[in-house]
Amino acid sequence: MLKKKIMESKIFYNFDLESFVPADHFLRKVKENISFDFIRDKVKHLYSHTGQPAIDPVVLVKMLLIGYLYDIKSERRLEKEIQVNLAYRWFIGYDLDEKIPEHSVISQTRRRKFTDSGIFQEIFDEIVSELIDKGLIEGNTILSDSTHIKANASRNSLVPTKEYLESLDENSDEESPFNNDTHFSKTDPDSKIMSRPGKPRGLHYLEHRSIDRSGLITDVFVTPGNASDHVTYIDRIKRQKDTFGFDIKKCVADRGYGNHKIYHDLKEMGIEAYIPLRGSTERKKIEQNSIPNIKYDPEKDIYNCPEGKHLHKFKNTIGTCKTYVYAGDRKICEVCPARKKCINSNNTVKPKLLYISIYQRAVDYQLRKENTEEWKELLKIRKYLMEGSFADAKANHGLWRAKMRGIKKVQEQSLMTAVAQNIKKMMNIINKKKNESYLVLSFILNYILTKLFSNLYRKQMIYNT
């Protein structure tokens, strides 16, 4: 029988919010495995002991986390989504008849109390520590890379710096192309113009990220878009060792991190570097102008030319490479029978020079395993794990563009994005382990039942005969 559905108002409802959240809902799994109560202890010093009761900071952080988990781009929109979504309400602990905290409360609390408190870094560290306690992160092999984040500012916000304007000729109307030495963004001064081959030009930040071999994120750090990858690398590796007690054995990165000093610092820390050497025009120039067939005496730490003559050493800097420069004695070279092999191409008497990095021992040590199967395998693993992590962050959690302005707020966004990704991956790993345990248990039960019925059948056949 056809009947029209009519909605009738009721005075009383028998409603239990808990029962309306599906048993397999993602947020239910999060609540079962992670407690956020630690947040109260970490921010209690930010709250006054008098006045009106404040909204529970755990609630505010959970609301922000929902925004990052489900890529809800604004706090105004976040308030509306939580208001109508029963699972969201249940997760933050608000019943159906309770008013959700307004978006202004979230933004003002975050801006006035949380931004300079370091709470977001502490939340990230706490989640990583939880993953370590559950045995999901080992911390023996650390993979690293960086990605650009489009700043929340347009190129139209660029204005000339005071120094640049003063350097211009008074009668000149010409301006040079935009760069970080001549212009800055008046909308977001912390952002910088990024100019990298194959990368979009414009105002950006860089997120430097490290992950464990499991794919879980162990560190994130934001710099302006014009920063080099290797500048903060060693400091971030040291932080992971100090904060989480990692016994790091291997560090894997692309050639953007292939700096001589990084090889040296990692060697001093007892870490094997799986990082290709960074190429440069300066290094090619060094190789082309160096004396061939040089022999090194490790006992005396000296270099001799092909004729066995000692080369004199002094320091120099070629491009960005700090080097020791070795040269033969001019008077000896003038009468040397093999001088044609060592003099410059213009056939002058001035001998060629030997350039050796001051960290050459560390470079040779770290690159001794280059092109081995382990080297190739780790670089391959780094590539798909890092690219997958960044792709997920940008496509599913909004990291492709900064939601706020200023490097501190972009750091907050990166940290909370990483927290959301770690929680999501943590749930996947736990579910996978449960499924594997279920399959193993099912196999064991089936085996026992099969044996049992087989024995019963055999006894029955014996009895019948």
Protein backbone atom coordinates (compact mmCIF):
# COMPACT_ATOMS: atom_id res chain seq x y z
CA MET A 1 0.00 0.00 0.00
CA LEU A 2 1.35 3.41 -0.96
CA LYS A 3 1.76 5.74 1.97
CA LYS A 4 3.17 9.24 2.26
CA LYS A 5 5.88 9.75 4.90
CA ILE A 6 4.90 12.48 7.35
CA MET A 7 7.32 13.82 9.94
CA GLU A 8 5.65 14.35 13.29
CA SER A 9 7.04 16.39 16.18
CA LYS A 10 7.60 14.58 19.47
CA ILE A 11 7.83 15.87 22.99
CA PHE A 12 10.16 13.09 24.20
CA TYR A 13 12.79 11.11 22.33
CA ASN A 14 14.45 7.87 23.34
CA PHE A 15 17.81 8.75 21.82
CA ASP A 16 21.27 7.35 22.59
CA LEU A 17 24.03 9.08 20.58
CA GLU A 18 26.43 6.19 21.22
CA SER A 19 24.18 3.75 19.36
CA PHE A 20 24.03 5.98 16.27
CA VAL A 21 27.79 5.82 15.64
CA PRO A 22 28.55 2.68 13.56
CA ALA A 23 30.78 0.10 15.22
CA ASP A 24 33.28 0.31 12.35
CA HIS A 25 33.36 4.12 12.13
CA PHE A 26 36.88 5.54 11.87
CA LEU A 27 36.46 7.97 14.79
CA ARG A 28 35.26 5.15 17.05
CA LYS A 29 38.51 3.30 16.33
CA VAL A 30 40.51 6.46 17.05
CA LYS A 31 38.75 6.95 20.39
CA GLU A 32 39.38 3.31 21.35
CA ASN A 33 43.11 3.50 20.66
CA ILE A 34 44.17 7.07 21.50
CA SER A 35 43.53 9.18 24.59
CA PHE A 36 43.85 12.94 24.20
CA ASP A 37 43.59 13.70 27.92
CA PHE A 38 47.29 14.60 28.02
CA ILE A 39 46.40 17.90 26.32
CA ARG A 40 44.86 19.34 29.51
CA ASP A 41 48.09 18.94 31.47
CA LYS A 42 50.14 20.51 28.70
CA VAL A 43 48.00 23.69 28.40
CA LYS A 44 46.69 24.22 31.94
CA HIS A 45 49.34 26.90 32.57
CA LEU A 46 47.75 28.95 29.76
CA TYR A 47 44.40 29.25 31.57
CA SER A 48 43.41 31.51 34.47
CA HIS A 49 42.28 30.09 37.83
CA THR A 50 39.40 32.59 37.98
CA GLY A 51 36.60 33.72 35.69
CA GLN A 52 34.13 31.76 33.59
CA PRO A 53 34.90 28.08 32.90
CA ALA A 54 36.67 27.69 29.55
CA ILE A 55 35.79 25.14 26.92
CA ASP A 56 37.78 21.96 27.43
CA PRO A 57 40.99 22.26 25.36
CA VAL A 58 40.69 18.56 24.50
CA VAL A 59 37.40 19.39 22.76
CA LEU A 60 38.99 22.23 20.77
CA VAL A 61 41.94 20.10 19.66
CA LYS A 62 39.62 17.25 18.69
CA MET A 63 37.56 19.69 16.63
CA LEU A 64 40.72 20.86 14.84
CA LEU A 65 41.75 17.24 14.29
CA ILE A 66 38.39 16.48 12.65
CA GLY A 67 39.05 19.38 10.29
CA TYR A 68 42.42 17.94 9.27
CA LEU A 69 41.20 14.33 9.06
CA TYR A 70 38.31 15.20 6.74
CA ASP A 71 39.88 18.23 4.99
CA ILE A 72 37.38 20.76 6.27
CA LYS A 73 39.09 23.93 5.15
CA SER A 74 37.67 26.62 7.47
CA GLU A 75 36.78 26.73 11.16
CA ARG A 76 33.44 28.33 10.33
CA ARG A 77 32.61 25.36 8.12
CA LEU A 78 33.98 22.99 10.78
CA GLU A 79 31.49 24.29 13.34
CA LYS A 80 28.58 23.62 10.96
CA GLU A 81 29.80 20.14 10.03
CA ILE A 82 30.15 19.07 13.68
CA GLN A 83 26.73 20.52 14.45
CA VAL A 84 24.97 18.15 12.03
CA ASN A 85 27.28 15.10 12.09
CA LEU A 86 26.45 12.67 14.90
CA ALA A 87 29.83 10.90 14.75
CA TYR A 88 31.67 14.20 15.06
CA ARG A 89 29.51 15.18 18.06
CA TRP A 90 30.12 11.86 19.74
CA PHE A 91 33.89 12.09 19.15
CA ILE A 92 34.22 15.48 20.89
CA GLY A 93 31.85 14.37 23.68
CA TYR A 94 28.90 16.66 22.93
CA ASP A 95 25.37 15.29 23.16
CA LEU A 96 22.57 16.10 20.74
CA ASP A 97 21.12 18.93 22.82
CA GLU A 98 24.48 20.64 23.53
CA LYS A 99 25.57 23.68 21.57
CA ILE A 100 28.78 23.20 19.62
CA PRO A 101 31.57 25.72 20.41
CA GLU A 102 31.50 28.59 17.92
CA HIS A 103 34.20 28.91 15.29
CA SER A 104 35.37 32.17 16.85
CA VAL A 105 36.15 30.34 20.10
CA ILE A 106 38.39 27.90 18.18
CA SER A 107 40.24 30.60 16.25
CA GLN A 108 40.67 32.97 19.21
CA THR A 109 41.87 30.23 21.57
CA ARG A 110 44.27 28.92 18.96
CA ARG A 111 45.58 32.43 18.20
CA ARG A 112 45.80 33.77 21.78
CA LYS A 113 46.82 30.64 23.69
CA PHE A 114 48.02 27.84 21.43
CA THR A 115 50.09 29.44 18.63
CA ASP A 116 53.16 30.32 20.73
CA SER A 117 52.71 27.55 23.31
CA GLY A 118 54.26 24.70 21.33
CA ILE A 119 51.17 22.55 22.00
CA PHE A 120 50.88 21.36 18.40
CA GLN A 121 54.48 20.13 18.43
CA GLU A 122 53.77 18.37 21.73
CA ILE A 123 50.64 16.73 20.29
CA PHE A 124 52.66 15.49 17.32
CA ASP A 125 55.43 14.19 19.61
CA GLU A 126 52.89 12.45 21.85
CA ILE A 127 51.30 10.62 18.92
CA VAL A 128 54.75 9.53 17.65
CA SER A 129 55.61 8.29 21.15
CA GLU A 130 52.33 6.34 21.17
CA LEU A 131 53.27 4.74 17.84
CA ILE A 132 56.69 3.82 19.23
CA ASP A 133 55.10 2.24 22.33
CA LYS A 134 52.83 0.16 20.10
CA GLY A 135 55.87 -1.08 18.16
CA LEU A 136 54.81 0.59 14.91
CA ILE A 137 57.90 2.83 14.63
CA GLU A 138 61.43 1.47 15.05
CA GLY A 139 63.43 4.57 14.15
CA ASN A 140 66.41 2.68 12.70
CA THR A 141 66.00 3.96 9.13
CA ILE A 142 64.89 7.56 8.51
CA LEU A 143 63.76 8.72 5.06
CA SER A 144 63.63 12.45 4.30
CA ASP A 145 62.42 14.87 1.64
CA SER A 146 60.76 18.26 1.27
CA THR A 147 57.70 19.59 -0.54
CA HIS A 148 56.44 23.06 -1.39
CA ILE A 149 53.31 24.55 0.18
CA LYS A 150 51.66 27.41 -1.70
CA ALA A 151 51.51 30.46 0.56
CA ASN A 152 48.20 32.14 1.34
CA ALA A 153 49.30 35.21 -0.62
CA SER A 154 49.36 36.13 -4.30
CA ARG A 155 52.16 37.56 -6.41
CA ASN A 156 50.22 40.82 -6.47
CA SER A 157 51.15 41.24 -2.80
CA LEU A 158 54.85 41.60 -3.69
CA VAL A 159 56.32 45.05 -3.03
CA PRO A 160 59.92 46.30 -3.39
CA THR A 161 62.15 46.27 -0.34
CA LYS A 162 63.40 49.57 1.06
CA GLU A 163 67.01 48.68 0.22
CA TYR A 164 66.11 47.86 -3.37
CA LEU A 165 64.26 51.15 -3.88
CA GLU A 166 67.22 53.08 -2.49
CA SER A 167 69.59 51.28 -4.86
CA LEU A 168 67.59 52.22 -7.97
CA ASP A 169 68.74 55.10 -10.12
CA GLU A 170 66.52 58.11 -9.48
CA ASN A 171 65.88 58.50 -13.22
CA SER A 172 65.40 54.78 -13.87
CA ASP A 173 61.91 53.39 -14.35
CA GLU A 174 63.10 49.82 -14.87
CA GLU A 175 62.78 47.17 -12.19
CA SER A 176 64.46 43.80 -12.14
CA PRO A 177 62.37 40.58 -12.12
CA PHE A 178 60.87 39.64 -8.76
CA ASN A 179 63.27 37.87 -6.41
CA ASN A 180 63.74 37.57 -2.67
CA ASP A 181 66.49 40.20 -2.61
CA THR A 182 64.34 42.89 -4.19
CA HIS A 183 60.73 42.11 -3.18
CA PHE A 184 58.69 40.69 -0.31
CA SER A 185 55.02 39.91 0.27
CA LYS A 186 53.22 42.52 2.34
CA THR A 187 50.44 39.94 2.94
CA ASP A 188 52.70 37.18 4.25
CA PRO A 189 56.28 38.42 4.72
CA ASP A 190 57.46 35.00 5.98
CA SER A 191 56.75 33.37 2.62
CA LYS A 192 59.42 33.51 -0.08
CA ILE A 193 59.62 33.20 -3.84
CA MET A 194 60.61 29.67 -4.81
CA SER A 195 62.55 29.19 -8.04
CA ARG A 196 63.37 25.54 -8.65
CA PRO A 197 63.51 23.60 -11.91
CA GLY A 198 60.23 21.77 -12.44
CA LYS A 199 58.52 23.56 -9.52
CA PRO A 200 55.86 26.29 -9.70
CA ARG A 201 57.28 29.79 -9.28
CA GLY A 202 55.58 31.92 -6.67
CA LEU A 203 55.28 32.49 -2.94
CA HIS A 204 55.78 29.25 -1.05
CA TYR A 205 56.86 27.53 2.11
CA LEU A 206 58.83 24.29 2.28
CA GLU A 207 57.88 21.42 4.55
CA HIS A 208 60.84 19.20 5.43
CA ARG A 209 59.53 15.78 6.43
CA SER A 210 61.08 12.61 7.84
CA ILE A 211 59.37 9.23 7.97
CA ASP A 212 60.17 5.83 9.38
CA ARG A 213 60.51 2.87 7.05
CA SER A 214 56.95 1.96 8.11
CA GLY A 215 55.76 5.16 6.38
CA LEU A 216 54.80 6.87 9.66
CA ILE A 217 55.92 10.49 10.01
CA THR A 218 58.57 11.18 12.65
CA ASP A 219 59.34 14.86 12.01
CA VAL A 220 58.03 17.91 10.12
CA PHE A 221 59.57 21.36 9.94
CA VAL A 222 58.60 24.39 7.85
CA THR A 223 60.99 26.92 6.30
CA PRO A 224 60.49 29.73 3.76
CA GLY A 225 60.22 28.56 0.16
CA ASN A 226 63.73 29.65 -0.82
CA ALA A 227 65.53 27.50 1.79
CA SER A 228 67.83 24.67 0.67
CA ASP A 229 66.90 21.13 1.66
CA HIS A 230 70.15 20.37 3.48
CA VAL A 231 70.23 23.47 5.73
CA THR A 232 68.05 22.09 8.54
CA TYR A 233 68.63 18.39 7.90
CA ILE A 234 71.19 17.51 10.59
CA ASP A 235 69.33 19.51 13.26
CA ARG A 236 66.12 17.59 12.52
CA ILE A 237 67.92 14.23 12.65
CA LYS A 238 69.44 15.18 16.01
CA ARG A 239 66.02 16.26 17.31
CA GLN A 240 64.51 12.87 16.49
CA LYS A 241 67.35 11.10 18.30
CA ASP A 242 67.03 13.36 21.36
CA THR A 243 63.22 13.47 21.53
CA PHE A 244 62.34 9.86 20.78
CA GLY A 245 65.57 8.06 21.58
CA PHE A 246 65.91 6.67 18.06
CA ASP A 247 68.95 4.52 17.39
CA ILE A 248 69.28 5.72 13.80
CA LYS A 249 71.48 3.49 11.67
CA LYS A 250 70.62 4.69 8.16
CA CYS A 251 69.49 8.01 6.66
CA VAL A 252 68.04 8.03 3.15
CA ALA A 253 67.43 11.15 1.05
CA ASP A 254 67.72 12.43 -2.52
CA ARG A 255 70.69 14.30 -3.96
CA GLY A 256 69.37 17.63 -2.68
CA TYR A 257 70.81 16.54 0.67
CA GLY A 258 74.12 15.29 -0.84
CA ASN A 259 76.23 17.94 0.88
CA HIS A 260 79.79 17.20 1.99
CA LYS A 261 79.21 18.43 5.53
CA ILE A 262 76.08 16.28 5.86
CA TYR A 263 78.16 13.22 4.97
CA HIS A 264 80.66 14.29 7.63
CA ASP A 265 78.08 15.00 10.35
CA LEU A 266 76.24 11.73 9.77
CA LYS A 267 79.54 9.83 9.92
CA GLU A 268 80.35 11.55 13.23
CA MET A 269 76.93 10.42 14.54
CA GLY A 270 77.59 6.83 13.47
CA ILE A 271 74.91 6.92 10.75
CA GLU A 272 75.22 5.44 7.26
CA ALA A 273 74.12 7.90 4.56
CA TYR A 274 72.23 6.61 1.54
CA ILE A 275 72.28 9.97 -0.23
CA PRO A 276 73.55 10.55 -3.80
CA LEU A 277 76.24 13.22 -4.18
CA ARG A 278 74.88 16.59 -5.18
CA GLY A 279 76.20 17.69 -8.58
CA SER A 280 77.33 21.22 -9.38
CA THR A 281 79.18 23.17 -12.02
CA GLU A 282 81.85 24.00 -9.44
CA ARG A 283 82.54 20.33 -8.82
CA LYS A 284 82.78 19.61 -12.55
CA LYS A 285 85.24 22.48 -12.85
CA ILE A 286 87.28 21.03 -9.99
CA GLU A 287 87.39 17.61 -11.64
CA GLN A 288 88.42 19.05 -15.03
CA ASN A 289 91.27 21.11 -13.58
CA SER A 290 92.68 18.59 -11.12
CA ILE A 291 95.98 16.80 -11.61
CA PRO A 292 95.51 13.22 -12.86
CA ASN A 293 97.04 10.09 -11.28
CA ILE A 294 97.58 11.61 -7.85
CA LYS A 295 98.78 9.23 -5.14
CA TYR A 296 97.70 9.60 -1.53
CA ASP A 297 99.90 8.59 1.42
CA PRO A 298 97.48 7.83 4.29
CA GLU A 299 100.24 7.49 6.90
CA LYS A 300 101.58 11.01 6.31
CA ASP A 301 98.23 12.40 5.05
CA ILE A 302 99.89 13.93 2.00
CA TYR A 303 99.41 13.83 -1.78
CA ASN A 304 102.20 13.21 -4.28
CA CYS A 305 102.18 13.96 -7.98
CA PRO A 306 102.77 11.18 -10.57
CA GLU A 307 106.53 11.91 -10.33
CA GLY A 308 106.49 11.41 -6.54
CA LYS A 309 106.84 15.07 -5.61
CA HIS A 310 105.05 16.36 -2.51
CA LEU A 311 102.16 18.80 -3.11
CA HIS A 312 101.75 21.84 -0.87
CA LYS A 313 98.38 22.33 0.83
CA PHE A 314 96.32 25.43 1.63
CA LYS A 315 92.62 26.16 2.20
CA ASN A 316 90.25 27.69 -0.31
CA THR A 317 86.57 27.81 -1.22
CA ILE A 318 85.39 26.89 -4.70
CA GLY A 319 81.76 27.93 -5.12
CA THR A 320 79.98 26.43 -2.12
CA CYS A 321 82.64 23.71 -1.67
CA LYS A 322 85.11 24.17 1.19
CA THR A 323 88.27 22.52 -0.01
CA TYR A 324 91.93 21.94 0.53
CA VAL A 325 93.90 23.04 -2.53
CA TYR A 326 97.13 21.19 -3.40
CA ALA A 327 99.71 22.59 -5.81
CA GLY A 328 103.17 21.60 -6.95
CA ASP A 329 106.25 23.77 -6.57
CA ARG A 330 106.59 26.03 -9.65
CA LYS A 331 110.38 25.66 -9.86
CA ILE A 332 110.18 21.87 -9.76
CA CYS A 333 107.33 21.78 -12.26
CA GLU A 334 109.26 23.93 -14.78
CA VAL A 335 111.92 21.24 -15.24
CA CYS A 336 109.69 18.19 -14.71
CA PRO A 337 109.72 15.78 -17.70
CA ALA A 338 105.98 15.05 -17.24
CA ARG A 339 104.92 18.69 -16.87
CA LYS A 340 102.76 18.62 -20.02
CA LYS A 341 100.32 16.35 -18.18
CA CYS A 342 99.97 18.79 -15.31
CA ILE A 343 100.06 22.28 -16.84
CA ASN A 344 96.98 24.17 -17.97
CA SER A 345 95.56 23.85 -21.49
CA ASN A 346 97.05 27.23 -22.52
CA ASN A 347 100.51 25.64 -22.09
CA THR A 348 101.63 28.06 -19.38
CA VAL A 349 104.07 26.96 -16.71
CA LYS A 350 101.45 27.44 -13.97
CA PRO A 351 100.61 23.90 -12.80
CA LYS A 352 97.14 22.51 -12.36
CA LEU A 353 95.77 22.34 -8.85
CA LEU A 354 94.34 19.43 -6.90
CA TYR A 355 91.09 20.23 -5.06
CA ILE A 356 90.08 17.99 -2.18
CA SER A 357 87.05 18.68 0.04
CA ILE A 358 87.86 19.16 3.70
CA TYR A 359 85.25 16.43 4.31
CA GLN A 360 86.58 14.15 1.57
CA ARG A 361 87.23 11.25 3.97
CA ALA A 362 83.59 11.30 5.06
CA VAL A 363 82.39 11.64 1.45
CA ASP A 364 84.45 8.62 0.37
CA TYR A 365 83.24 6.66 3.40
CA GLN A 366 79.55 7.38 2.79
CA LEU A 367 79.70 6.80 -0.97
CA ARG A 368 81.63 3.52 -0.75
CA LYS A 369 78.33 1.63 -0.94
CA GLU A 370 76.99 3.63 -3.91
CA ASN A 371 75.35 1.49 -6.62
CA THR A 372 75.04 -1.55 -4.32
CA GLU A 373 71.70 -3.37 -4.27
CA GLU A 374 70.93 -2.06 -0.78
CA TRP A 375 71.64 1.52 -1.93
CA LYS A 376 69.28 1.19 -4.90
CA GLU A 377 66.58 -0.52 -2.85
CA LEU A 378 66.55 2.10 -0.08
CA LEU A 379 66.41 4.98 -2.58
CA LYS A 380 63.51 3.26 -4.32
CA ILE A 381 61.67 2.77 -1.01
CA ARG A 382 62.27 6.41 -0.07
CA LYS A 383 60.85 7.61 -3.37
CA TYR A 384 57.49 5.86 -3.24
CA LEU A 385 56.99 6.25 0.53
CA MET A 386 57.83 9.98 0.57
CA GLU A 387 55.91 10.79 -2.59
CA GLY A 388 52.94 8.82 -1.29
CA SER A 389 53.05 10.63 2.04
CA PHE A 390 53.16 14.07 0.41
CA ALA A 391 50.49 13.15 -2.14
CA ASP A 392 48.14 12.01 0.64
CA ALA A 393 48.84 15.20 2.63
CA LYS A 394 48.02 17.46 -0.32
CA ALA A 395 45.13 15.56 -1.91
CA ASN A 396 43.28 14.43 1.25
CA HIS A 397 44.35 16.84 3.99
CA GLY A 398 44.72 20.21 2.25
CA LEU A 399 48.50 20.67 2.59
CA TRP A 400 48.87 21.88 -1.01
CA ARG A 401 48.09 25.41 0.22
CA ALA A 402 48.64 27.24 3.50
CA LYS A 403 45.37 27.84 5.36
CA MET A 404 46.89 30.67 7.41
CA ARG A 405 49.66 33.22 7.13
CA GLY A 406 52.98 33.31 8.94
CA ILE A 407 55.54 30.57 9.35
CA LYS A 408 54.35 29.63 12.88
CA LYS A 409 50.80 29.00 11.65
CA VAL A 410 51.98 27.06 8.60
CA GLN A 411 54.09 24.97 10.98
CA GLU A 412 50.90 24.32 12.98
CA GLN A 413 49.13 23.21 9.81
CA SER A 414 51.97 20.86 8.88
CA LEU A 415 52.09 19.33 12.35
CA MET A 416 48.33 18.73 12.54
CA THR A 417 48.32 17.32 9.00
CA ALA A 418 51.07 14.91 10.05
CA VAL A 419 49.10 13.97 13.19
CA ALA A 420 46.04 13.21 11.06
CA GLN A 421 48.09 11.11 8.63
CA ASN A 422 49.81 9.19 11.43
CA ILE A 423 46.49 8.43 13.14
CA LYS A 424 44.97 7.28 9.87
CA LYS A 425 47.91 5.01 9.09
CA MET A 426 47.96 3.75 12.67
CA MET A 427 44.32 2.63 12.37
CA ASN A 428 45.07 0.89 9.07
CA ILE A 429 48.00 -1.02 10.57
CA ILE A 430 45.96 -2.04 13.65
CA ASN A 431 43.06 -3.23 11.46
CA LYS A 432 45.44 -5.15 9.24
CA LYS A 433 46.98 -6.88 12.26
CA LYS A 434 43.51 -7.74 13.61
CA ASN A 435 42.53 -9.21 10.25
CA GLU A 436 45.76 -11.20 10.10
CA SER A 437 45.18 -12.47 13.66
CA TYR A 438 41.62 -13.42 12.71
CA LEU A 439 42.85 -15.33 9.65
CA VAL A 440 45.47 -17.17 11.70
CA LEU A 441 42.88 -18.04 14.36
CA SER A 442 40.42 -19.21 11.70
CA PHE A 443 43.09 -21.40 10.13
CA ILE A 444 43.96 -22.96 13.50
CA LEU A 445 40.29 -23.61 14.33
CA ASN A 446 39.65 -25.13 10.90
CA TYR A 447 42.71 -27.35 11.31
CA ILE A 448 41.60 -28.55 14.76
CA LEU A 449 38.03 -29.19 13.60
CA THR A 450 39.26 -31.03 10.51
CA LYS A 451 41.49 -33.28 12.64
CA LEU A 452 38.70 -33.85 15.14
CA PHE A 453 36.10 -34.87 12.56
CA SER A 454 38.68 -36.93 10.72
CA ASN A 455 39.43 -38.92 13.87
CA LEU A 456 35.73 -39.34 14.63
CA TYR A 457 35.10 -40.57 11.10
CA ARG A 458 38.00 -43.04 11.35
CA LYS A 459 36.72 -44.41 14.66
CA GLN A 460 33.22 -44.75 13.24
CA MET A 461 34.54 -46.71 10.24
CA ILE A 462 36.49 -49.03 12.54
CA TYR A 463 33.42 -49.56 14.70
CA ASN A 464 31.23 -50.38 11.67
CA THR A 465 33.70 -52.99 10.39
